[in-house]
C-alpha atoms as a PDB file:
ATOM      1  CA  UNK A   1     -30.001 -76.113  -0.862  1.00  0.00           C
ATOM      2  CA  UNK A   2     -29.044 -72.819   0.616  1.00  0.00           C
ATOM      3  CA  UNK A   3     -25.986 -71.277  -0.912  1.00  0.00           C
ATOM      4  CA  UNK A   4     -24.445 -69.149   1.755  1.00  0.00           C
ATOM      5  CA  UNK A   5     -21.076 -67.744   0.806  1.00  0.00           C
ATOM      6  CA  UNK A   6     -18.370 -68.411   3.267  1.00  0.00           C
ATOM      7  CA  UNK A   7     -16.906 -65.439   5.061  1.00  0.00           C
ATOM      8  CA  UNK A   8     -13.578 -66.072   3.374  1.00  0.00           C
ATOM      9  CA  UNK A   9     -15.194 -65.573  -0.068  1.00  0.00           C
ATOM     10  CA  UNK A  10     -16.498 -62.084   0.759  1.00  0.00           C
ATOM     11  CA  UNK A  11     -14.325 -59.119  -0.121  1.00  0.00           C
ATOM     12  CA  UNK A  12     -12.882 -57.154   2.741  1.00  0.00           C
ATOM     13  CA  UNK A  13     -14.965 -54.106   3.618  1.00  0.00           C
ATOM     14  CA  UNK A  14     -13.752 -50.856   2.185  1.00  0.00           C
ATOM     15  CA  UNK A  15     -12.180 -48.438   4.606  1.00  0.00           C
ATOM     16  CA  UNK A  16     -14.872 -45.881   5.413  1.00  0.00           C
ATOM     17  CA  UNK A  17     -14.045 -42.264   4.739  1.00  0.00           C
ATOM     18  CA  UNK A  18     -12.833 -40.323   7.714  1.00  0.00           C
ATOM     19  CA  UNK A  19     -15.890 -38.695   9.249  1.00  0.00           C
ATOM     20  CA  UNK A  20     -14.058 -35.944  11.057  1.00  0.00           C
ATOM     21  CA  UNK A  21     -10.980 -35.188   8.988  1.00  0.00           C
ATOM     22  CA  UNK A  22      -8.217 -33.358  10.754  1.00  0.00           C
ATOM     23  CA  UNK A  23      -8.279 -29.679   9.858  1.00  0.00           C
ATOM     24  CA  UNK A  24      -5.428 -28.680   7.619  1.00  0.00           C
ATOM     25  CA  UNK A  25      -3.660 -25.485   8.488  1.00  0.00           C
ATOM     26  CA  UNK A  26      -4.533 -22.637   6.185  1.00  0.00           C
ATOM     27  CA  UNK A  27      -1.641 -21.451   4.090  1.00  0.00           C
ATOM     28  CA  UNK A  28      -0.263 -18.180   5.315  1.00  0.00           C
ATOM     29  CA  UNK A  29      -1.998 -15.316   3.535  1.00  0.00           C
ATOM     30  CA  UNK A  30       0.231 -13.315   1.249  1.00  0.00           C
ATOM     31  CA  UNK A  31       1.151  -9.986   2.770  1.00  0.00           C
ATOM     32  CA  UNK A  32      -0.760  -7.120   1.224  1.00  0.00           C
ATOM     33  CA  UNK A  33       1.186  -5.331  -1.466  1.00  0.00           C
ATOM     34  CA  UNK A  34       1.845  -1.640  -0.830  1.00  0.00           C
ATOM     35  CA  UNK A  35       3.046   1.281  -2.897  1.00  0.00           C
ATOM     36  CA  UNK A  36       4.912   4.279  -1.488  1.00  0.00           C
ATOM     37  CA  UNK A  37       5.761   7.697  -2.859  1.00  0.00           C
ATOM     38  CA  UNK A  38       8.459   9.429  -0.838  1.00  0.00           C
ATOM     39  CA  UNK A  39       9.369  13.073  -1.199  1.00  0.00           C
ATOM     40  CA  UNK A  40      12.832  14.565  -0.964  1.00  0.00           C
ATOM     41  CA  UNK A  41      11.845  15.867   2.492  1.00  0.00           C
ATOM     42  CA  UNK A  42      10.910  12.360   3.709  1.00  0.00           C
ATOM     43  CA  UNK A  43       7.121  12.677   3.592  1.00  0.00           C
ATOM     44  CA  UNK A  44       5.615   9.408   2.371  1.00  0.00           C
ATOM     45  CA  UNK A  45       2.240   8.516   0.961  1.00  0.00           C
ATOM     46  CA  UNK A  46       1.521   4.793   1.252  1.00  0.00           C
ATOM     47  CA  UNK A  47      -1.380   2.842  -0.181  1.00  0.00           C
ATOM     48  CA  UNK A  48      -2.662  -0.606  -1.033  1.00  0.00           C
ATOM     49  CA  UNK A  49      -1.363  -2.099  -4.295  1.00  0.00           C
ATOM     50  CA  UNK A  50      -4.011  -4.565  -5.492  1.00  0.00           C
ATOM     51  CA  UNK A  51      -2.812  -8.023  -6.563  1.00  0.00           C
ATOM     52  CA  UNK A  52      -4.437  -7.484  -9.957  1.00  0.00           C
ATOM     53  CA  UNK A  53      -2.628  -4.195 -10.664  1.00  0.00           C
ATOM     54  CA  UNK A  54      -0.019  -4.552 -13.399  1.00  0.00           C
ATOM     55  CA  UNK A  55       2.311  -1.735 -12.265  1.00  0.00           C
ATOM     56  CA  UNK A  56       3.640  -0.342  -9.003  1.00  0.00           C
ATOM     57  CA  UNK A  57       3.442   3.474  -8.785  1.00  0.00           C
ATOM     58  CA  UNK A  58       6.115   3.698  -6.076  1.00  0.00           C
ATOM     59  CA  UNK A  59       8.591   6.558  -6.426  1.00  0.00           C
ATOM     60  CA  UNK A  60      11.388   8.092  -4.361  1.00  0.00           C
ATOM     61  CA  UNK A  61      12.876  11.586  -4.229  1.00  0.00           C
ATOM     62  CA  UNK A  62       9.729  13.321  -5.493  1.00  0.00           C
ATOM     63  CA  UNK A  63       9.814  17.082  -4.992  1.00  0.00           C
ATOM     64  CA  UNK A  64       7.248  17.887  -2.263  1.00  0.00           C
ATOM     65  CA  UNK A  65       5.309  20.285  -4.506  1.00  0.00           C
ATOM     66  CA  UNK A  66       4.732  17.390  -6.961  1.00  0.00           C
ATOM     67  CA  UNK A  67       3.315  14.883  -4.444  1.00  0.00           C
ATOM     68  CA  UNK A  68      -0.344  15.822  -5.006  1.00  0.00           C
ATOM     69  CA  UNK A  69       0.058  15.509  -8.790  1.00  0.00           C
ATOM     70  CA  UNK A  70       1.802  12.132  -8.451  1.00  0.00           C
ATOM     71  CA  UNK A  71      -1.018  10.867  -6.229  1.00  0.00           C
ATOM     72  CA  UNK A  72      -3.626  12.107  -8.722  1.00  0.00           C
ATOM     73  CA  UNK A  73      -1.812  10.193 -11.488  1.00  0.00           C
ATOM     74  CA  UNK A  74      -1.929   6.819  -9.707  1.00  0.00           C
ATOM     75  CA  UNK A  75      -3.849   4.333 -11.839  1.00  0.00           C
ATOM     76  CA  UNK A  76      -4.142   0.701 -10.772  1.00  0.00           C
ATOM     77  CA  UNK A  77      -4.781  -1.113 -14.044  1.00  0.00           C
ATOM     78  CA  UNK A  78      -5.115  -4.544 -15.630  1.00  0.00           C
ATOM     79  CA  UNK A  79      -5.980  -5.069 -19.302  1.00  0.00           C
ATOM     80  CA  UNK A  80      -7.994  -7.903 -20.826  1.00  0.00           C
ATOM     81  CA  UNK A  81      -7.744  -8.560 -24.553  1.00  0.00           C
ATOM     82  CA  UNK A  82     -10.609  -7.733 -26.856  1.00  0.00           C
ATOM     83  CA  UNK A  83     -11.569  -9.628 -29.958  1.00  0.00           C
ATOM     84  CA  UNK A  84      -9.793  -9.325 -33.274  1.00  0.00           C
ATOM     85  CA  UNK A  85     -12.267  -8.727 -36.093  1.00  0.00           C
ATOM     86  CA  UNK A  86     -11.757  -7.892 -39.730  1.00  0.00           C
ATOM     87  CA  UNK A  87     -13.228  -4.419 -40.105  1.00  0.00           C
ATOM     88  CA  UNK A  88     -13.450  -1.704 -42.703  1.00  0.00           C
ATOM     89  CA  UNK A  89     -11.904   1.688 -42.016  1.00  0.00           C
ATOM     90  CA  UNK A  90     -12.037   4.728 -44.273  1.00  0.00           C
ATOM     91  CA  UNK A  91      -8.465   5.410 -43.155  1.00  0.00           C
ATOM     92  CA  UNK A  92      -7.317   2.179 -44.846  1.00  0.00           C
ATOM     93  CA  UNK A  93      -6.234   3.257 -48.339  1.00  0.00           C
ATOM     94  CA  UNK A  94      -6.543  -0.276 -49.750  1.00  0.00           C
ATOM     95  CA  UNK A  95     -10.267  -0.348 -48.927  1.00  0.00           C
ATOM     96  CA  UNK A  96     -10.050  -3.936 -47.642  1.00  0.00           C
ATOM     97  CA  UNK A  97     -11.124  -5.109 -44.217  1.00  0.00           C
ATOM     98  CA  UNK A  98      -8.197  -5.305 -41.835  1.00  0.00           C
ATOM     99  CA  UNK A  99      -7.745  -7.076 -38.480  1.00  0.00           C
ATOM    100  CA  UNK A 100      -8.428  -4.791 -35.539  1.00  0.00           C
ATOM    101  CA  UNK A 101      -8.759  -5.581 -31.843  1.00  0.00           C
ATOM    102  CA  UNK A 102     -12.141  -4.300 -30.653  1.00  0.00           C
ATOM    103  CA  UNK A 103     -13.857  -4.167 -27.293  1.00  0.00           C
ATOM    104  CA  UNK A 104     -10.784  -4.693 -25.155  1.00  0.00           C
ATOM    105  CA  UNK A 105     -11.498  -4.229 -21.478  1.00  0.00           C
ATOM    106  CA  UNK A 106      -9.550  -2.952 -18.522  1.00  0.00           C
ATOM    107  CA  UNK A 107     -10.132  -2.678 -14.807  1.00  0.00           C
ATOM    108  CA  UNK A 108      -8.926   0.650 -13.468  1.00  0.00           C
ATOM    109  CA  UNK A 109      -8.856   2.316 -10.090  1.00  0.00           C
ATOM    110  CA  UNK A 110      -7.632   5.870  -9.490  1.00  0.00           C
ATOM    111  CA  UNK A 111      -7.588   6.180  -5.687  1.00  0.00           C
ATOM    112  CA  UNK A 112      -6.952   9.942  -5.696  1.00  0.00           C
ATOM    113  CA  UNK A 113      -9.271  10.903  -8.565  1.00  0.00           C
ATOM    114  CA  UNK A 114     -11.278  14.118  -8.120  1.00  0.00           C
ATOM    115  CA  UNK A 115     -14.546  12.231  -8.791  1.00  0.00           C
ATOM    116  CA  UNK A 116     -15.509   9.398  -6.428  1.00  0.00           C
ATOM    117  CA  UNK A 117     -16.479   6.779  -9.063  1.00  0.00           C
ATOM    118  CA  UNK A 118     -12.990   5.936 -10.342  1.00  0.00           C
ATOM    119  CA  UNK A 119     -11.693   5.736  -6.766  1.00  0.00           C
ATOM    120  CA  UNK A 120     -13.050   2.180  -6.727  1.00  0.00           C
ATOM    121  CA  UNK A 121     -12.255  -0.431  -9.394  1.00  0.00           C
ATOM    122  CA  UNK A 122     -14.323   0.020 -12.550  1.00  0.00           C
ATOM    123  CA  UNK A 123     -14.384  -1.801 -15.905  1.00  0.00           C
ATOM    124  CA  UNK A 124     -13.738   0.158 -19.104  1.00  0.00           C
ATOM    125  CA  UNK A 125     -14.390  -1.047 -22.657  1.00  0.00           C
ATOM    126  CA  UNK A 126     -12.548   0.477 -25.572  1.00  0.00           C
ATOM    127  CA  UNK A 127     -14.812   0.038 -28.573  1.00  0.00           C
ATOM    128  CA  UNK A 128     -12.268   0.867 -31.331  1.00  0.00           C
ATOM    129  CA  UNK A 129     -11.827   4.229 -32.973  1.00  0.00           C
ATOM    130  CA  UNK A 130     -13.888   4.969 -36.077  1.00  0.00           C
ATOM    131  CA  UNK A 131     -14.240   1.429 -37.364  1.00  0.00           C
ATOM    132  CA  UNK A 132     -17.390   0.017 -38.936  1.00  0.00           C
ATOM    133  CA  UNK A 133     -18.603  -3.471 -39.684  1.00  0.00           C
ATOM    134  CA  UNK A 134     -20.536  -3.192 -42.941  1.00  0.00           C
ATOM    135  CA  UNK A 135     -22.177  -5.402 -45.520  1.00  0.00           C
ATOM    136  CA  UNK A 136     -21.978  -8.618 -43.537  1.00  0.00           C
ATOM    137  CA  UNK A 137     -23.329 -11.739 -45.241  1.00  0.00           C
ATOM    138  CA  UNK A 138     -24.916 -14.545 -43.172  1.00  0.00           C
ATOM    139  CA  UNK A 139     -21.568 -16.359 -42.749  1.00  0.00           C
ATOM    140  CA  UNK A 140     -19.769 -13.183 -41.702  1.00  0.00           C
ATOM    141  CA  UNK A 141     -22.599 -12.306 -39.337  1.00  0.00           C
ATOM    142  CA  UNK A 142     -22.318 -15.770 -37.783  1.00  0.00           C
ATOM    143  CA  UNK A 143     -18.561 -15.280 -37.323  1.00  0.00           C
ATOM    144  CA  UNK A 144     -19.179 -11.904 -35.665  1.00  0.00           C
ATOM    145  CA  UNK A 145     -21.751 -13.470 -33.328  1.00  0.00           C
ATOM    146  CA  UNK A 146     -19.252 -16.195 -32.356  1.00  0.00           C
ATOM    147  CA  UNK A 147     -16.535 -13.604 -31.722  1.00  0.00           C
ATOM    148  CA  UNK A 148     -18.850 -11.569 -29.523  1.00  0.00           C
ATOM    149  CA  UNK A 149     -19.855 -14.710 -27.606  1.00  0.00           C
ATOM    150  CA  UNK A 150     -16.167 -15.369 -26.963  1.00  0.00           C
ATOM    151  CA  UNK A 151     -15.816 -11.839 -25.658  1.00  0.00           C
ATOM    152  CA  UNK A 152     -19.003 -12.170 -23.585  1.00  0.00           C
ATOM    153  CA  UNK A 153     -17.589 -15.349 -22.012  1.00  0.00           C
ATOM    154  CA  UNK A 154     -14.354 -13.495 -21.197  1.00  0.00           C
ATOM    155  CA  UNK A 155     -16.366 -10.656 -19.630  1.00  0.00           C
ATOM    156  CA  UNK A 156     -18.441 -13.145 -17.594  1.00  0.00           C
ATOM    157  CA  UNK A 157     -15.682 -15.533 -16.550  1.00  0.00           C
ATOM    158  CA  UNK A 158     -12.537 -13.365 -16.327  1.00  0.00           C
ATOM    159  CA  UNK A 159     -13.258  -9.652 -16.169  1.00  0.00           C
ATOM    160  CA  UNK A 160     -16.338  -9.690 -13.906  1.00  0.00           C
ATOM    161  CA  UNK A 161     -14.878 -12.039 -11.236  1.00  0.00           C
ATOM    162  CA  UNK A 162     -11.664 -10.013 -11.244  1.00  0.00           C
ATOM    163  CA  UNK A 163     -13.688  -6.795 -10.844  1.00  0.00           C
ATOM    164  CA  UNK A 164     -15.760  -8.277  -7.984  1.00  0.00           C
ATOM    165  CA  UNK A 165     -12.561  -9.453  -6.236  1.00  0.00           C
ATOM    166  CA  UNK A 166     -10.867  -6.113  -6.886  1.00  0.00           C
ATOM    167  CA  UNK A 167     -13.747  -4.172  -5.336  1.00  0.00           C
ATOM    168  CA  UNK A 168     -13.874  -6.517  -2.353  1.00  0.00           C
ATOM    169  CA  UNK A 169     -10.125  -6.194  -1.879  1.00  0.00           C
ATOM    170  CA  UNK A 170     -10.322  -2.433  -2.301  1.00  0.00           C
ATOM    171  CA  UNK A 171     -12.868  -2.058   0.495  1.00  0.00           C
ATOM    172  CA  UNK A 172     -10.493  -3.973   2.805  1.00  0.00           C
ATOM    173  CA  UNK A 173      -7.409  -1.925   1.801  1.00  0.00           C
ATOM    174  CA  UNK A 174      -8.308   1.658   0.919  1.00  0.00           C
ATOM    175  CA  UNK A 175      -5.408   3.910   0.016  1.00  0.00           C
ATOM    176  CA  UNK A 176      -4.801   7.006   2.024  1.00  0.00           C
ATOM    177  CA  UNK A 177      -2.001   9.412   2.609  1.00  0.00           C
ATOM    178  CA  UNK A 178      -0.307   8.485   5.847  1.00  0.00           C
ATOM    179  CA  UNK A 179       1.740  11.596   6.529  1.00  0.00           C
ATOM    180  CA  UNK A 180       5.399  11.748   7.333  1.00  0.00           C
ATOM    181  CA  UNK A 181       7.414   8.536   7.620  1.00  0.00           C
ATOM    182  CA  UNK A 182      11.116   9.047   8.136  1.00  0.00           C
END
């Protein structure tokens, strides 16, 4: 006896996925952020303000003789936390390890720096003053290794991608003095 299911016993076929989905419109790109320093005489220097930069260096009513110095002081900056470790410092009068943030990182770009390297985004690590890690036992050494792995993950997964994006963005939007805008 052949058991052939009736067509009414079969489940309805699933709706196949759309083979050529309709393209969705791209969201409008955010307008590029800009900074501007305007002198009392109306001269204006304008530049790209990266999305990652934490402050806007824009100023108004700058005396014209101070414009070059203000441009040289521009620092686009974002800070990433380091790792808090218990460390010994000779400056600590109690002679006990104390919590100190070490190896914090920042991305900085100084578009009008005298040297070319900081004119593009670079990463900087602050190691931490004159602090020492001494006399670590195996458990303490394991804790230090875990803390450094956490920091390494932050460097790999937060700082480095932000630096790569910052450099890519910077090549598309270099800052330059644009002359007089009144």
